[in-house]
C-alpha atoms as a PDB file:
ATOM      1  CA  MET A   1      -7.503 -20.805 -13.864  1.00  0.00           C
ATOM      2  CA  GLU A   2      -4.425 -20.177 -15.971  1.00  0.00           C
ATOM      3  CA  PRO A   3      -1.728 -18.454 -13.842  1.00  0.00           C
ATOM      4  CA  VAL A   4      -1.330 -14.755 -14.554  1.00  0.00           C
ATOM      5  CA  SER A   5       2.143 -13.979 -15.869  1.00  0.00           C
ATOM      6  CA  VAL A   6       3.546 -11.096 -13.838  1.00  0.00           C
ATOM      7  CA  GLY A   7       6.666  -9.054 -14.495  1.00  0.00           C
ATOM      8  CA  LEU A   8       8.362  -7.528 -11.473  1.00  0.00           C
ATOM      9  CA  VAL A   9       9.832  -4.027 -11.379  1.00  0.00           C
ATOM     10  CA  GLY A  10      12.419  -3.773  -8.619  1.00  0.00           C
ATOM     11  CA  ALA A  11      14.925  -6.100  -6.956  1.00  0.00           C
ATOM     12  CA  GLY A  12      15.445  -4.561  -3.525  1.00  0.00           C
ATOM     13  CA  PRO A  13      14.839  -6.234  -0.141  1.00  0.00           C
ATOM     14  CA  TRP A  14      11.027  -6.046  -0.343  1.00  0.00           C
ATOM     15  CA  ALA A  15      11.041  -7.485  -3.858  1.00  0.00           C
ATOM     16  CA  SER A  16      13.332 -10.345  -2.867  1.00  0.00           C
ATOM     17  CA  GLN A  17      11.543 -11.096   0.422  1.00  0.00           C
ATOM     18  CA  VAL A  18       7.926 -10.754  -0.720  1.00  0.00           C
ATOM     19  CA  HIS A  19       7.098 -10.037  -4.353  1.00  0.00           C
ATOM     20  CA  ALA A  20       9.429 -12.410  -6.150  1.00  0.00           C
ATOM     21  CA  PRO A  21       8.830 -15.527  -3.991  1.00  0.00           C
ATOM     22  CA  VAL A  22       5.072 -14.954  -3.695  1.00  0.00           C
ATOM     23  CA  LEU A  23       4.506 -14.376  -7.399  1.00  0.00           C
ATOM     24  CA  ALA A  24       6.777 -17.292  -8.338  1.00  0.00           C
ATOM     25  CA  ALA A  25       5.147 -19.700  -5.877  1.00  0.00           C
ATOM     26  CA  GLY A  26       1.833 -19.776  -7.730  1.00  0.00           C
ATOM     27  CA  PRO A  27      -0.489 -21.432  -8.377  1.00  0.00           C
ATOM     28  CA  HIS A  28      -2.413 -18.301  -9.324  1.00  0.00           C
ATOM     29  CA  THR A  29       0.517 -16.264 -10.613  1.00  0.00           C
ATOM     30  CA  ARG A  30       3.764 -16.904 -12.473  1.00  0.00           C
ATOM     31  CA  LEU A  31       6.823 -14.671 -12.213  1.00  0.00           C
ATOM     32  CA  ALA A  32       7.724 -13.985 -15.841  1.00  0.00           C
ATOM     33  CA  GLY A  33      10.755 -11.733 -15.471  1.00  0.00           C
ATOM     34  CA  VAL A  34      12.338  -8.789 -13.684  1.00  0.00           C
ATOM     35  CA  TRP A  35      13.535  -5.312 -14.534  1.00  0.00           C
ATOM     36  CA  ALA A  36      15.615  -3.431 -11.984  1.00  0.00           C
ATOM     37  CA  ARG A  37      17.995  -0.493 -11.793  1.00  0.00           C
ATOM     38  CA  ARG A  38      20.615  -2.942 -10.491  1.00  0.00           C
ATOM     39  CA  PRO A  39      20.118  -6.108 -12.570  1.00  0.00           C
ATOM     40  CA  GLU A  40      22.638  -8.055 -10.500  1.00  0.00           C
ATOM     41  CA  ALA A  41      20.319  -7.810  -7.473  1.00  0.00           C
ATOM     42  CA  ALA A  42      17.746  -9.934  -9.328  1.00  0.00           C
ATOM     43  CA  ALA A  43      20.175 -12.668 -10.329  1.00  0.00           C
ATOM     44  CA  GLY A  44      18.798 -15.106  -7.764  1.00  0.00           C
ATOM     45  CA  PHE A  45      15.140 -14.745  -8.704  1.00  0.00           C
ATOM     46  CA  GLY A  46      15.325 -17.611 -11.199  1.00  0.00           C
ATOM     47  CA  VAL A  47      13.703 -15.714 -14.073  1.00  0.00           C
ATOM     48  CA  PRO A  48      15.007 -13.585 -16.971  1.00  0.00           C
ATOM     49  CA  VAL A  49      16.348 -10.157 -15.986  1.00  0.00           C
ATOM     50  CA  HIS A  50      15.666  -7.584 -18.709  1.00  0.00           C
ATOM     51  CA  GLU A  51      17.762  -4.565 -19.601  1.00  0.00           C
ATOM     52  CA  ARG A  52      14.812  -2.634 -21.050  1.00  0.00           C
ATOM     53  CA  LEU A  53      11.483  -2.140 -19.326  1.00  0.00           C
ATOM     54  CA  GLU A  54       9.692  -2.655 -22.634  1.00  0.00           C
ATOM     55  CA  ASP A  55      11.283  -6.096 -22.916  1.00  0.00           C
ATOM     56  CA  LEU A  56       9.742  -7.021 -19.578  1.00  0.00           C
ATOM     57  CA  PHE A  57       6.346  -5.822 -20.801  1.00  0.00           C
ATOM     58  CA  ASP A  58       6.635  -8.202 -23.766  1.00  0.00           C
ATOM     59  CA  THR A  59       6.835 -11.205 -21.401  1.00  0.00           C
ATOM     60  CA  CYS A  60       3.837 -10.620 -19.139  1.00  0.00           C
ATOM     61  CA  GLU A  61       0.158  -9.772 -18.720  1.00  0.00           C
ATOM     62  CA  ALA A  62       0.636  -7.752 -15.541  1.00  0.00           C
ATOM     63  CA  VAL A  63       3.354  -5.842 -13.742  1.00  0.00           C
ATOM     64  CA  ALA A  64       4.080  -5.709 -10.000  1.00  0.00           C
ATOM     65  CA  PHE A  65       6.090  -2.899  -8.433  1.00  0.00           C
ATOM     66  CA  ALA A  66       8.557  -2.909  -5.540  1.00  0.00           C
ATOM     67  CA  VAL A  67      10.229   0.467  -5.974  1.00  0.00           C
ATOM     68  CA  PRO A  68      10.042   3.911  -4.298  1.00  0.00           C
ATOM     69  CA  PRO A  69       6.733   5.763  -4.738  1.00  0.00           C
ATOM     70  CA  ALA A  70       7.962   8.332  -7.273  1.00  0.00           C
ATOM     71  CA  VAL A  71       9.483   5.599  -9.438  1.00  0.00           C
ATOM     72  CA  GLN A  72       6.344   3.475  -9.189  1.00  0.00           C
ATOM     73  CA  ALA A  73       4.140   6.319 -10.414  1.00  0.00           C
ATOM     74  CA  GLU A  74       6.340   7.034 -13.416  1.00  0.00           C
ATOM     75  CA  LEU A  75       6.746   3.406 -14.483  1.00  0.00           C
ATOM     76  CA  ALA A  76       3.158   2.395 -13.719  1.00  0.00           C
ATOM     77  CA  VAL A  77       1.972   4.957 -16.265  1.00  0.00           C
ATOM     78  CA  ARG A  78       4.240   3.347 -18.858  1.00  0.00           C
ATOM     79  CA  ALA A  79       3.014  -0.145 -17.949  1.00  0.00           C
ATOM     80  CA  ALA A  80      -0.648   0.882 -18.148  1.00  0.00           C
ATOM     81  CA  ARG A  81      -0.093   2.464 -21.549  1.00  0.00           C
ATOM     82  CA  ALA A  82       1.468  -0.847 -22.631  1.00  0.00           C
ATOM     83  CA  GLY A  83      -1.800  -2.567 -21.653  1.00  0.00           C
ATOM     84  CA  LYS A  84      -0.524  -4.250 -18.494  1.00  0.00           C
ATOM     85  CA  HIS A  85      -2.576  -4.808 -15.354  1.00  0.00           C
ATOM     86  CA  LEU A  86      -0.909  -3.386 -12.262  1.00  0.00           C
ATOM     87  CA  LEU A  87      -0.114  -4.707  -8.775  1.00  0.00           C
ATOM     88  CA  LEU A  88       0.905  -1.553  -6.944  1.00  0.00           C
ATOM     89  CA  GLU A  89       2.621  -0.840  -3.634  1.00  0.00           C
ATOM     90  CA  LYS A  90       1.453   1.746  -1.160  1.00  0.00           C
ATOM     91  CA  PRO A  91       1.597   4.689  -1.365  1.00  0.00           C
ATOM     92  CA  LEU A  92       0.456   4.964  -4.937  1.00  0.00           C
ATOM     93  CA  ALA A  93       2.906   7.773  -5.666  1.00  0.00           C
ATOM     94  CA  ALA A  94       5.173  10.304  -3.993  1.00  0.00           C
ATOM     95  CA  ASP A  95       2.664  13.091  -4.542  1.00  0.00           C
ATOM     96  CA  LEU A  96      -0.880  13.795  -5.597  1.00  0.00           C
ATOM     97  CA  ALA A  97       0.043  14.655  -9.175  1.00  0.00           C
ATOM     98  CA  GLY A  98       1.791  11.314  -9.601  1.00  0.00           C
ATOM     99  CA  ALA A  99      -1.146   9.411  -8.137  1.00  0.00           C
ATOM    100  CA  ARG A 100      -3.575  11.178 -10.448  1.00  0.00           C
ATOM    101  CA  ALA A 101      -1.358  10.420 -13.436  1.00  0.00           C
ATOM    102  CA  VAL A 102      -1.464   6.696 -12.616  1.00  0.00           C
ATOM    103  CA  VAL A 103      -5.258   6.669 -12.245  1.00  0.00           C
ATOM    104  CA  ASP A 104      -5.682   8.628 -15.480  1.00  0.00           C
ATOM    105  CA  ALA A 105      -3.403   6.223 -17.381  1.00  0.00           C
ATOM    106  CA  VAL A 106      -5.226   3.203 -15.946  1.00  0.00           C
ATOM    107  CA  ARG A 107      -8.607   4.630 -16.931  1.00  0.00           C
ATOM    108  CA  ASP A 108      -7.465   5.510 -20.438  1.00  0.00           C
ATOM    109  CA  ALA A 109      -5.898   2.078 -20.991  1.00  0.00           C
ATOM    110  CA  GLY A 110      -8.742   0.104 -19.448  1.00  0.00           C
ATOM    111  CA  VAL A 111      -6.407  -2.038 -17.328  1.00  0.00           C
ATOM    112  CA  LEU A 112      -7.105  -3.444 -13.875  1.00  0.00           C
ATOM    113  CA  THR A 113      -5.260  -2.568 -10.684  1.00  0.00           C
ATOM    114  CA  GLN A 114      -4.818  -3.777  -7.133  1.00  0.00           C
ATOM    115  CA  MET A 115      -2.754  -2.338  -4.289  1.00  0.00           C
ATOM    116  CA  VAL A 116      -0.626  -4.070  -1.679  1.00  0.00           C
ATOM    117  CA  PHE A 117      -2.327  -2.765   1.432  1.00  0.00           C
ATOM    118  CA  SER A 118      -0.933  -5.791   3.241  1.00  0.00           C
ATOM    119  CA  TRP A 119      -3.043  -5.438   6.396  1.00  0.00           C
ATOM    120  CA  ARG A 120      -6.230  -5.832   4.364  1.00  0.00           C
ATOM    121  CA  TYR A 121      -5.344  -9.377   3.246  1.00  0.00           C
ATOM    122  CA  ALA A 122      -4.998 -10.716   6.810  1.00  0.00           C
ATOM    123  CA  ASP A 123      -7.875 -12.774   8.237  1.00  0.00           C
ATOM    124  CA  GLY A 124      -7.580 -10.991  11.589  1.00  0.00           C
ATOM    125  CA  VAL A 125      -8.009  -7.606   9.939  1.00  0.00           C
ATOM    126  CA  ARG A 126     -10.981  -8.775   7.923  1.00  0.00           C
ATOM    127  CA  ASP A 127     -12.577 -10.140  11.096  1.00  0.00           C
ATOM    128  CA  PHE A 128     -11.937  -6.777  12.777  1.00  0.00           C
ATOM    129  CA  LEU A 129     -13.605  -4.877   9.936  1.00  0.00           C
ATOM    130  CA  ASP A 130     -16.587  -7.241   9.921  1.00  0.00           C
ATOM    131  CA  LEU A 131     -17.041  -6.699  13.660  1.00  0.00           C
ATOM    132  CA  ALA A 132     -16.559  -2.934  13.394  1.00  0.00           C
ATOM    133  CA  GLY A 133     -19.365  -2.814  10.853  1.00  0.00           C
ATOM    134  CA  THR A 134     -21.817  -4.217  13.413  1.00  0.00           C
ATOM    135  CA  LEU A 135     -20.968  -1.785  16.209  1.00  0.00           C
ATOM    136  CA  LYS A 136     -22.569   1.409  14.888  1.00  0.00           C
ATOM    137  CA  PRO A 137     -19.155   3.016  15.342  1.00  0.00           C
ATOM    138  CA  PHE A 138     -18.728   6.657  16.294  1.00  0.00           C
ATOM    139  CA  GLY A 139     -14.982   6.972  16.791  1.00  0.00           C
ATOM    140  CA  GLY A 140     -11.619   5.325  16.816  1.00  0.00           C
ATOM    141  CA  HIS A 141      -7.915   5.608  17.374  1.00  0.00           C
ATOM    142  CA  ALA A 142      -5.035   4.378  15.227  1.00  0.00           C
ATOM    143  CA  ALA A 143      -1.332   4.383  16.015  1.00  0.00           C
ATOM    144  CA  TYR A 144       1.835   3.297  14.297  1.00  0.00           C
ATOM    145  CA  VAL A 145       4.993   3.878  16.329  1.00  0.00           C
ATOM    146  CA  SER A 146       8.301   2.283  15.362  1.00  0.00           C
ATOM    147  CA  ASN A 147      12.044   2.855  15.015  1.00  0.00           C
ATOM    148  CA  SER A 148      12.207   2.298  11.261  1.00  0.00           C
ATOM    149  CA  LEU A 149      13.631   5.752  10.485  1.00  0.00           C
ATOM    150  CA  ARG A 150      16.578   5.337  12.829  1.00  0.00           C
ATOM    151  CA  PRO A 151      20.003   4.745  11.239  1.00  0.00           C
ATOM    152  CA  GLU A 152      20.188   1.081  12.242  1.00  0.00           C
ATOM    153  CA  SER A 153      16.938   0.209  10.453  1.00  0.00           C
ATOM    154  CA  PRO A 154      16.978  -1.408   6.990  1.00  0.00           C
ATOM    155  CA  PHE A 155      13.829   0.608   6.228  1.00  0.00           C
ATOM    156  CA  ALA A 156      15.623   3.952   6.634  1.00  0.00           C
ATOM    157  CA  THR A 157      15.668   4.460   2.862  1.00  0.00           C
ATOM    158  CA  PRO A 158      16.006   7.903   1.251  1.00  0.00           C
ATOM    159  CA  TRP A 159      12.341   8.488   0.452  1.00  0.00           C
ATOM    160  CA  ARG A 160      11.262   7.473   3.979  1.00  0.00           C
ATOM    161  CA  LEU A 161      13.927   9.658   5.582  1.00  0.00           C
ATOM    162  CA  ASP A 162      12.731  12.554   3.452  1.00  0.00           C
ATOM    163  CA  ARG A 163       8.985  12.153   3.929  1.00  0.00           C
ATOM    164  CA  GLY A 164       8.489  10.263   7.196  1.00  0.00           C
ATOM    165  CA  ALA A 165       5.593   8.368   8.696  1.00  0.00           C
ATOM    166  CA  ILE A 166       2.581   9.905   6.967  1.00  0.00           C
ATOM    167  CA  LEU A 167       3.660   8.786   3.491  1.00  0.00           C
ATOM    168  CA  ASP A 168       5.124   5.458   4.633  1.00  0.00           C
ATOM    169  CA  VAL A 169       2.775   3.897   7.210  1.00  0.00           C
ATOM    170  CA  GLY A 170       0.012   6.489   6.963  1.00  0.00           C
ATOM    171  CA  PRO A 171      -1.571   4.660   4.003  1.00  0.00           C
ATOM    172  CA  HIS A 172      -2.098   1.534   6.122  1.00  0.00           C
ATOM    173  CA  MET A 173      -3.680   3.358   9.049  1.00  0.00           C
ATOM    174  CA  ILE A 174      -5.752   5.783   6.970  1.00  0.00           C
ATOM    175  CA  ASP A 175      -7.029   2.884   4.878  1.00  0.00           C
ATOM    176  CA  LEU A 176      -8.039   0.926   7.988  1.00  0.00           C
ATOM    177  CA  VAL A 177      -9.982   3.728   9.676  1.00  0.00           C
ATOM    178  CA  ASP A 178     -11.527   4.571   6.303  1.00  0.00           C
ATOM    179  CA  ALA A 179     -12.763   0.980   6.004  1.00  0.00           C
ATOM    180  CA  ALA A 180     -13.924   0.745   9.619  1.00  0.00           C
ATOM    181  CA  LEU A 181     -15.541   4.151  10.161  1.00  0.00           C
ATOM    182  CA  GLY A 182     -16.496   5.397   6.710  1.00  0.00           C
ATOM    183  CA  LYS A 183     -14.844   7.365   3.945  1.00  0.00           C
ATOM    184  CA  VAL A 184     -12.365   9.963   5.180  1.00  0.00           C
ATOM    185  CA  VAL A 185     -13.607  13.409   4.150  1.00  0.00           C
ATOM    186  CA  GLY A 186     -11.361  15.724   6.135  1.00  0.00           C
ATOM    187  CA  VAL A 187      -8.126  15.845   8.122  1.00  0.00           C
ATOM    188  CA  VAL A 188      -6.458  18.182  10.591  1.00  0.00           C
ATOM    189  CA  ALA A 189      -2.751  17.510  11.100  1.00  0.00           C
ATOM    190  CA  ARG A 190      -0.341  18.665  13.793  1.00  0.00           C
ATOM    191  CA  GLY A 191       3.226  17.762  14.686  1.00  0.00           C
ATOM    192  CA  ASN A 192       6.257  16.840  12.611  1.00  0.00           C
ATOM    193  CA  VAL A 193       6.393  14.524   9.596  1.00  0.00           C
ATOM    194  CA  LEU A 194       9.797  13.216  10.694  1.00  0.00           C
ATOM    195  CA  GLY A 195       8.895  13.082  14.372  1.00  0.00           C
ATOM    196  CA  TRP A 196       5.456  12.650  15.920  1.00  0.00           C
ATOM    197  CA  ALA A 197       2.484  13.449  13.704  1.00  0.00           C
ATOM    198  CA  GLY A 198      -1.071  13.573  14.979  1.00  0.00           C
ATOM    199  CA  LEU A 199      -4.093  13.484  12.667  1.00  0.00           C
ATOM    200  CA  LEU A 200      -7.758  14.123  13.388  1.00  0.00           C
ATOM    201  CA  LEU A 201      -9.850  12.508  10.652  1.00  0.00           C
ATOM    202  CA  GLU A 202     -13.478  13.200   9.778  1.00  0.00           C
ATOM    203  CA  HIS A 203     -15.527  10.402   8.192  1.00  0.00           C
ATOM    204  CA  ASP A 204     -18.608  10.635   6.011  1.00  0.00           C
ATOM    205  CA  SER A 205     -20.504   8.616   8.630  1.00  0.00           C
ATOM    206  CA  GLY A 206     -20.071  11.443  11.138  1.00  0.00           C
ATOM    207  CA  ALA A 207     -17.469   9.479  13.076  1.00  0.00           C
ATOM    208  CA  LEU A 208     -14.101  10.920  14.093  1.00  0.00           C
ATOM    209  CA  SER A 209     -10.783   9.132  14.442  1.00  0.00           C
ATOM    210  CA  GLU A 210      -7.443  10.148  15.900  1.00  0.00           C
ATOM    211  CA  MET A 211      -4.130   8.891  14.552  1.00  0.00           C
ATOM    212  CA  SER A 212      -0.590   8.948  15.975  1.00  0.00           C
ATOM    213  CA  LEU A 213       2.277   8.247  13.580  1.00  0.00           C
ATOM    214  CA  CYS A 214       5.981   8.125  14.415  1.00  0.00           C
ATOM    215  CA  LEU A 215       8.861   6.168  12.870  1.00  0.00           C
ATOM    216  CA  SER A 216      11.686   7.742  14.866  1.00  0.00           C
ATOM    217  CA  ALA A 217      11.016   6.222  18.290  1.00  0.00           C
ATOM    218  CA  PRO A 218      13.981   4.544  20.039  1.00  0.00           C
ATOM    219  CA  VAL A 219      12.099   1.236  20.156  1.00  0.00           C
ATOM    220  CA  THR A 220       9.331  -0.443  18.203  1.00  0.00           C
ATOM    221  CA  GLY A 221       6.016   0.501  19.730  1.00  0.00           C
ATOM    222  CA  HIS A 222       2.390  -0.169  18.936  1.00  0.00           C
ATOM    223  CA  ALA A 223       0.720  -0.462  15.549  1.00  0.00           C
ATOM    224  CA  GLY A 224      -3.013  -0.983  15.399  1.00  0.00           C
ATOM    225  CA  VAL A 225      -6.546   0.392  15.322  1.00  0.00           C
ATOM    226  CA  THR A 226      -9.348   0.465  17.899  1.00  0.00           C
ATOM    227  CA  VAL A 227     -12.928   1.346  16.966  1.00  0.00           C
ATOM    228  CA  TYR A 228     -15.620   2.320  19.459  1.00  0.00           C
ATOM    229  CA  GLY A 229     -19.326   2.011  18.760  1.00  0.00           C
ATOM    230  CA  GLU A 230     -22.700   1.973  20.433  1.00  0.00           C
ATOM    231  CA  HIS A 231     -22.601  -1.840  20.509  1.00  0.00           C
ATOM    232  CA  GLY A 232     -19.030  -2.406  21.656  1.00  0.00           C
ATOM    233  CA  VAL A 233     -15.375  -2.177  20.751  1.00  0.00           C
ATOM    234  CA  ALA A 234     -13.248  -3.776  18.021  1.00  0.00           C
ATOM    235  CA  ALA A 235      -9.454  -3.762  17.862  1.00  0.00           C
ATOM    236  CA  VAL A 236      -6.650  -5.140  15.720  1.00  0.00           C
ATOM    237  CA  ASP A 237      -2.881  -4.786  15.869  1.00  0.00           C
ATOM    238  CA  ARG A 238       0.139  -5.777  13.821  1.00  0.00           C
ATOM    239  CA  SER A 239       0.075  -9.341  15.200  1.00  0.00           C
ATOM    240  CA  ALA A 240      -2.601  -9.971  12.542  1.00  0.00           C
ATOM    241  CA  LEU A 241       0.181  -9.750   9.955  1.00  0.00           C
ATOM    242  CA  SER A 242       1.671 -12.994  11.267  1.00  0.00           C
ATOM    243  CA  ASP A 243      -0.997 -14.681   9.144  1.00  0.00           C
ATOM    244  CA  ASP A 244       1.109 -16.753   6.737  1.00  0.00           C
ATOM    245  CA  ALA A 245      -1.474 -16.419   3.976  1.00  0.00           C
ATOM    246  CA  VAL A 246      -1.434 -12.598   3.712  1.00  0.00           C
ATOM    247  CA  PHE A 247       0.635 -12.306   0.553  1.00  0.00           C
ATOM    248  CA  SER A 248      -0.485 -15.523  -1.107  1.00  0.00           C
ATOM    249  CA  ARG A 249      -4.074 -14.297  -0.657  1.00  0.00           C
ATOM    250  CA  MET A 250      -3.069 -10.986  -2.211  1.00  0.00           C
ATOM    251  CA  ALA A 251      -1.630 -12.804  -5.247  1.00  0.00           C
ATOM    252  CA  GLN A 252      -4.710 -14.995  -5.564  1.00  0.00           C
ATOM    253  CA  GLU A 253      -7.041 -11.982  -5.481  1.00  0.00           C
ATOM    254  CA  PHE A 254      -4.913 -10.184  -8.047  1.00  0.00           C
ATOM    255  CA  ALA A 255      -5.114 -13.178 -10.365  1.00  0.00           C
ATOM    256  CA  GLN A 256      -8.889 -13.274  -9.923  1.00  0.00           C
ATOM    257  CA  THR A 257      -9.087  -9.540 -10.630  1.00  0.00           C
ATOM    258  CA  VAL A 258      -7.233 -10.036 -13.907  1.00  0.00           C
ATOM    259  CA  ARG A 259      -8.929 -13.262 -15.012  1.00  0.00           C
ATOM    260  CA  LEU A 260     -12.474 -12.234 -14.095  1.00  0.00           C
ATOM    261  CA  GLY A 261     -12.025  -8.697 -15.388  1.00  0.00           C
ATOM    262  CA  ARG A 262     -13.581  -7.004 -12.390  1.00  0.00           C
ATOM    263  CA  ALA A 263     -12.347  -4.135 -10.251  1.00  0.00           C
ATOM    264  CA  HIS A 264     -10.809  -4.860  -6.858  1.00  0.00           C
ATOM    265  CA  PRO A 265     -11.905  -2.652  -3.920  1.00  0.00           C
ATOM    266  CA  LEU A 266      -8.241  -1.846  -3.217  1.00  0.00           C
ATOM    267  CA  ASP A 267      -7.568  -0.473  -6.681  1.00  0.00           C
ATOM    268  CA  ALA A 268      -5.577   2.553  -7.810  1.00  0.00           C
ATOM    269  CA  ALA A 269      -8.627   4.807  -7.459  1.00  0.00           C
ATOM    270  CA  HIS A 270      -8.799   3.824  -3.788  1.00  0.00           C
ATOM    271  CA  GLY A 271      -5.081   4.494  -3.498  1.00  0.00           C
ATOM    272  CA  LEU A 272      -5.636   7.970  -4.948  1.00  0.00           C
ATOM    273  CA  ARG A 273      -8.283   8.692  -2.309  1.00  0.00           C
ATOM    274  CA  ILE A 274      -5.845   7.717   0.435  1.00  0.00           C
ATOM    275  CA  GLN A 275      -3.162   9.853  -1.238  1.00  0.00           C
ATOM    276  CA  GLU A 276      -5.479  12.867  -1.125  1.00  0.00           C
ATOM    277  CA  THR A 277      -5.663  12.589   2.665  1.00  0.00           C
ATOM    278  CA  ILE A 278      -1.890  12.159   2.873  1.00  0.00           C
ATOM    279  CA  HIS A 279      -1.429  15.257   0.701  1.00  0.00           C
ATOM    280  CA  ASP A 280      -3.751  17.344   2.870  1.00  0.00           C
ATOM    281  CA  ALA A 281      -2.028  16.229   6.078  1.00  0.00           C
ATOM    282  CA  GLU A 282       1.505  16.766   4.768  1.00  0.00           C
ATOM    283  CA  THR A 283       0.576  20.176   3.363  1.00  0.00           C
ATOM    284  CA  GLN A 284      -0.659  21.304   6.763  1.00  0.00           C
ATOM    285  CA  LEU A 285       2.483  20.112   8.518  1.00  0.00           C
ATOM    286  CA  THR A 286       4.946  21.529   6.017  1.00  0.00           C
ATOM    287  CA  LYS A 287       3.174  24.890   6.282  1.00  0.00           C
ATOM    288  CA  GLY A 288       3.465  24.777  10.036  1.00  0.00           C
ATOM    289  CA  GLY A 289       0.015  23.377  10.813  1.00  0.00           C
END
């Protein structure tokens, strides 16, 4: 299979640590170039750095994004309209309107999309979901507790400090309980978006799940999901992400999505569904629950 040429938007820490090396490593993808707000940050990527976004589009078949959610939504619309397939970070956008705009542009352009829900590319997570599907599950609990919003954390970036855990790590946890227990169809939220947020999620299967999210703890705590069913229990935690193949598998699946011309289950439409739950939860909390 001919490698898919991918242009990268963004040159921050996540781009330099994950996107650029993974896409450049191949064999399924080829890093074609970079566009970034600070071009000098991409100087070590070993590919052309473009001053204009449209110049990047001219060099590639697909575009990957490693930028804040609001920026991703705006630029993904432009990339889709240019006919480029999209490898998108979570969350899809900063708000529901932005997420819908991306999905509309993708549909109108007929391009393919895939999202970097990194947990879903780990073997341990896939094993967990396979097991959960056999349990006749009726409930579950998810938690993500860390110190990533504290001043000493490199992840304490402006959009995270403004929006907190539900927009940042909520997509991972909501996606996992959605996959394990059935489509999320309702949410009740209590707490504080910048402190401790608790969600009660209803699933179309009739199952319920509870979720605890906090990024302002003094130490890194637990991150994982446990599912309970009539035939047993299944659990997974962040240790599954030590799987060295997570991001290379993501790149391989993206290349297959593009080359075979078929939708990936973790596409922008799925990201929009997750964003709808995030929107509902944040709306409840910002209005005082």
